[in-house]
C-alpha cells in the first residue's frame, strides 16, 4: 500500500502509532535527509551534550510508545 492511499482518519490510534513508528524508523535510516533549521540543530547539539555529560536521561522510543499506548487504554 502506498502512502497516498492511506486514509489516516480511518486508522485506529494503535495503527496510527505503528505508522508513526514505521515512519520514524525509515527516517532514522538516513538522518542526513531530514532538514533541520539552525535552531533545531543547536537544540539537538545541546541535548546530546547533556546526555554525554550525564546530565539528562533519554527514554528509548519503545518506552515512549508503551507510555502513549497505556494512556490510550
N, C-alpha and C. Protein backbone atom coordinates (compact mmCIF):
# COMPACT_ATOMS: atom_id res chain seq x y z
N UNK A 1 0.85 -1.18 0.00
CA UNK A 1 0.00 0.00 0.00
C UNK A 1 0.89 1.23 0.00
N UNK A 2 0.67 2.14 -0.90
CA UNK A 2 1.42 3.38 -0.95
C UNK A 2 0.90 4.39 0.06
N UNK A 3 1.74 5.32 0.39
CA UNK A 3 1.34 6.31 1.40
C UNK A 3 0.18 7.16 0.92
N UNK A 4 0.04 7.35 -0.35
CA UNK A 4 -1.03 8.19 -0.87
C UNK A 4 -2.40 7.56 -0.70
N UNK A 5 -2.46 6.24 -0.54
CA UNK A 5 -3.75 5.58 -0.43
C UNK A 5 -4.19 5.38 1.02
N UNK A 6 -3.41 5.84 1.98
CA UNK A 6 -3.75 5.68 3.39
C UNK A 6 -4.66 6.81 3.83
N UNK A 7 -5.83 6.45 4.34
CA UNK A 7 -6.74 7.43 4.93
C UNK A 7 -6.47 7.43 6.44
N UNK A 8 -5.67 8.35 6.89
CA UNK A 8 -5.21 8.36 8.28
C UNK A 8 -6.37 8.41 9.26
N UNK A 9 -7.42 9.13 8.94
CA UNK A 9 -8.55 9.25 9.87
C UNK A 9 -9.29 7.94 10.05
N UNK A 10 -9.10 6.99 9.14
CA UNK A 10 -9.77 5.70 9.29
C UNK A 10 -8.95 4.72 10.13
N UNK A 11 -7.71 5.09 10.47
CA UNK A 11 -6.85 4.21 11.27
C UNK A 11 -7.17 4.34 12.75
N UNK A 12 -7.03 3.25 13.46
CA UNK A 12 -7.19 3.27 14.92
C UNK A 12 -5.98 3.99 15.53
N UNK A 13 -6.09 4.42 16.78
CA UNK A 13 -4.93 5.04 17.42
C UNK A 13 -3.70 4.13 17.41
N UNK A 14 -3.90 2.83 17.64
CA UNK A 14 -2.77 1.91 17.63
C UNK A 14 -2.15 1.83 16.24
N UNK A 15 -2.97 1.80 15.21
CA UNK A 15 -2.45 1.76 13.85
C UNK A 15 -1.70 3.04 13.51
N UNK A 16 -2.20 4.17 13.99
CA UNK A 16 -1.51 5.44 13.76
C UNK A 16 -0.15 5.45 14.44
N UNK A 17 -0.10 4.94 15.66
CA UNK A 17 1.17 4.88 16.38
C UNK A 17 2.16 3.98 15.65
N UNK A 18 1.68 2.84 15.13
CA UNK A 18 2.56 1.97 14.37
C UNK A 18 3.05 2.66 13.10
N UNK A 19 2.18 3.45 12.47
CA UNK A 19 2.59 4.19 11.28
C UNK A 19 3.67 5.21 11.64
N UNK A 20 3.48 5.91 12.76
CA UNK A 20 4.49 6.87 13.22
C UNK A 20 5.81 6.16 13.47
N UNK A 21 5.75 5.01 14.13
CA UNK A 21 6.97 4.26 14.41
C UNK A 21 7.66 3.83 13.12
N UNK A 22 6.86 3.37 12.15
CA UNK A 22 7.43 2.96 10.87
C UNK A 22 8.06 4.14 10.14
N UNK A 23 7.37 5.28 10.16
CA UNK A 23 7.92 6.49 9.52
C UNK A 23 9.21 6.92 10.20
N UNK A 24 9.19 6.92 11.53
CA UNK A 24 10.38 7.33 12.28
C UNK A 24 11.56 6.40 11.97
N UNK A 25 11.26 5.10 11.94
CA UNK A 25 12.31 4.13 11.65
C UNK A 25 12.88 4.37 10.26
N UNK A 26 12.02 4.66 9.29
CA UNK A 26 12.51 4.88 7.93
C UNK A 26 13.37 6.14 7.86
N UNK A 27 13.01 7.17 8.62
CA UNK A 27 13.81 8.40 8.63
C UNK A 27 15.13 8.20 9.38
N UNK A 28 15.10 7.38 10.41
CA UNK A 28 16.33 7.18 11.20
C UNK A 28 17.39 6.41 10.41
N UNK A 29 16.97 5.75 9.34
CA UNK A 29 17.92 5.05 8.49
C UNK A 29 18.81 6.03 7.72
N UNK A 30 18.28 7.21 7.43
CA UNK A 30 19.02 8.24 6.67
C UNK A 30 18.80 9.61 7.30
N UNK A 31 19.35 9.83 8.49
CA UNK A 31 19.09 11.09 9.20
C UNK A 31 19.57 12.33 8.44
N UNK A 32 20.52 12.15 7.55
CA UNK A 32 21.06 13.30 6.82
C UNK A 32 20.06 13.88 5.83
N UNK A 33 18.98 13.19 5.52
CA UNK A 33 18.00 13.72 4.57
C UNK A 33 16.89 14.51 5.26
N UNK A 34 16.88 14.50 6.59
CA UNK A 34 15.87 15.25 7.34
C UNK A 34 16.35 16.68 7.52
N UNK A 35 15.64 17.65 6.91
CA UNK A 35 16.08 19.04 7.01
C UNK A 35 15.87 19.59 8.43
N UNK A 36 16.86 20.31 8.92
CA UNK A 36 16.78 20.94 10.23
C UNK A 36 17.09 22.43 10.10
N UNK A 37 16.39 23.21 10.92
CA UNK A 37 16.74 24.62 10.98
C UNK A 37 17.99 24.76 11.85
N UNK A 38 18.62 25.91 11.83
CA UNK A 38 19.79 26.14 12.69
C UNK A 38 19.40 26.00 14.16
N UNK A 39 18.22 26.51 14.52
CA UNK A 39 17.76 26.43 15.91
C UNK A 39 17.55 24.97 16.33
N UNK A 40 16.98 24.15 15.46
CA UNK A 40 16.78 22.74 15.78
C UNK A 40 18.12 22.03 15.94
N UNK A 41 19.05 22.32 15.06
CA UNK A 41 20.38 21.70 15.14
C UNK A 41 21.08 22.11 16.45
N UNK A 42 20.98 23.36 16.82
CA UNK A 42 21.59 23.83 18.08
C UNK A 42 20.96 23.13 19.28
N UNK A 43 19.62 22.97 19.26
CA UNK A 43 18.94 22.30 20.37
C UNK A 43 19.34 20.83 20.44
N UNK A 44 19.43 20.17 19.32
CA UNK A 44 19.87 18.78 19.31
C UNK A 44 21.30 18.65 19.85
N UNK A 45 22.17 19.55 19.43
CA UNK A 45 23.55 19.54 19.93
C UNK A 45 23.58 19.76 21.44
N UNK A 46 22.76 20.69 21.93
CA UNK A 46 22.70 20.96 23.37
C UNK A 46 22.25 19.73 24.13
N UNK A 47 21.21 19.07 23.63
CA UNK A 47 20.68 17.87 24.30
C UNK A 47 21.68 16.72 24.25
N UNK A 48 22.35 16.54 23.13
CA UNK A 48 23.37 15.50 23.05
C UNK A 48 24.51 15.76 24.02
N UNK A 49 24.91 17.02 24.14
CA UNK A 49 25.96 17.37 25.10
C UNK A 49 25.52 17.03 26.52
N UNK A 50 24.25 17.32 26.87
CA UNK A 50 23.74 16.98 28.20
C UNK A 50 23.78 15.48 28.44
N UNK A 51 23.35 14.71 27.45
CA UNK A 51 23.38 13.25 27.58
C UNK A 51 24.80 12.75 27.78
N UNK A 52 25.74 13.27 27.00
CA UNK A 52 27.13 12.82 27.10
C UNK A 52 27.75 13.18 28.44
N UNK A 53 27.32 14.29 29.03
CA UNK A 53 27.82 14.70 30.34
C UNK A 53 27.08 14.00 31.48
N UNK A 54 26.04 13.21 31.15
CA UNK A 54 25.27 12.51 32.18
C UNK A 54 24.30 13.41 32.90
N UNK A 55 23.95 14.54 32.31
CA UNK A 55 23.05 15.50 32.95
C UNK A 55 21.59 15.28 32.56
N UNK A 56 21.31 14.36 31.65
CA UNK A 56 19.95 14.11 31.21
C UNK A 56 19.79 12.62 30.91
N UNK A 57 18.60 12.15 31.12
CA UNK A 57 18.30 10.75 30.81
C UNK A 57 17.41 10.70 29.58
N UNK A 58 17.78 9.88 28.64
CA UNK A 58 16.95 9.68 27.45
C UNK A 58 15.95 8.56 27.70
N UNK A 59 14.90 8.55 26.92
CA UNK A 59 13.89 7.50 27.00
C UNK A 59 13.88 6.78 25.66
N UNK A 60 14.08 5.47 25.67
CA UNK A 60 14.04 4.73 24.40
C UNK A 60 12.68 4.86 23.73
N UNK A 61 12.67 4.88 22.39
CA UNK A 61 11.44 5.06 21.62
C UNK A 61 10.40 4.01 21.98
N UNK A 62 10.82 2.76 22.20
CA UNK A 62 9.87 1.71 22.57
C UNK A 62 9.15 2.04 23.86
N UNK A 63 9.86 2.62 24.82
CA UNK A 63 9.24 3.01 26.08
C UNK A 63 8.27 4.16 25.89
N UNK A 64 8.62 5.12 25.05
CA UNK A 64 7.70 6.22 24.75
C UNK A 64 6.41 5.67 24.17
N UNK A 65 6.51 4.76 23.22
CA UNK A 65 5.30 4.16 22.63
C UNK A 65 4.48 3.42 23.67
N UNK A 66 5.13 2.67 24.56
CA UNK A 66 4.40 1.96 25.62
C UNK A 66 3.64 2.94 26.50
N UNK A 67 4.28 4.04 26.85
CA UNK A 67 3.62 5.03 27.71
C UNK A 67 2.41 5.65 27.01
N UNK A 68 2.56 5.96 25.73
CA UNK A 68 1.45 6.54 24.97
C UNK A 68 0.30 5.56 24.87
N UNK A 69 0.63 4.33 24.58
CA UNK A 69 -0.42 3.29 24.45
C UNK A 69 -1.14 3.04 25.77
N UNK A 70 -0.41 3.09 26.88
CA UNK A 70 -1.04 2.92 28.19
C UNK A 70 -2.04 4.03 28.47
N UNK A 71 -1.72 5.23 28.06
CA UNK A 71 -2.62 6.37 28.28
C UNK A 71 -3.90 6.26 27.46
N UNK A 72 -3.82 5.53 26.35
CA UNK A 72 -5.00 5.36 25.50
C UNK A 72 -5.98 4.35 26.08
N UNK A 73 -5.49 3.44 26.90
CA UNK A 73 -6.37 2.40 27.46
C UNK A 73 -7.23 2.90 28.58
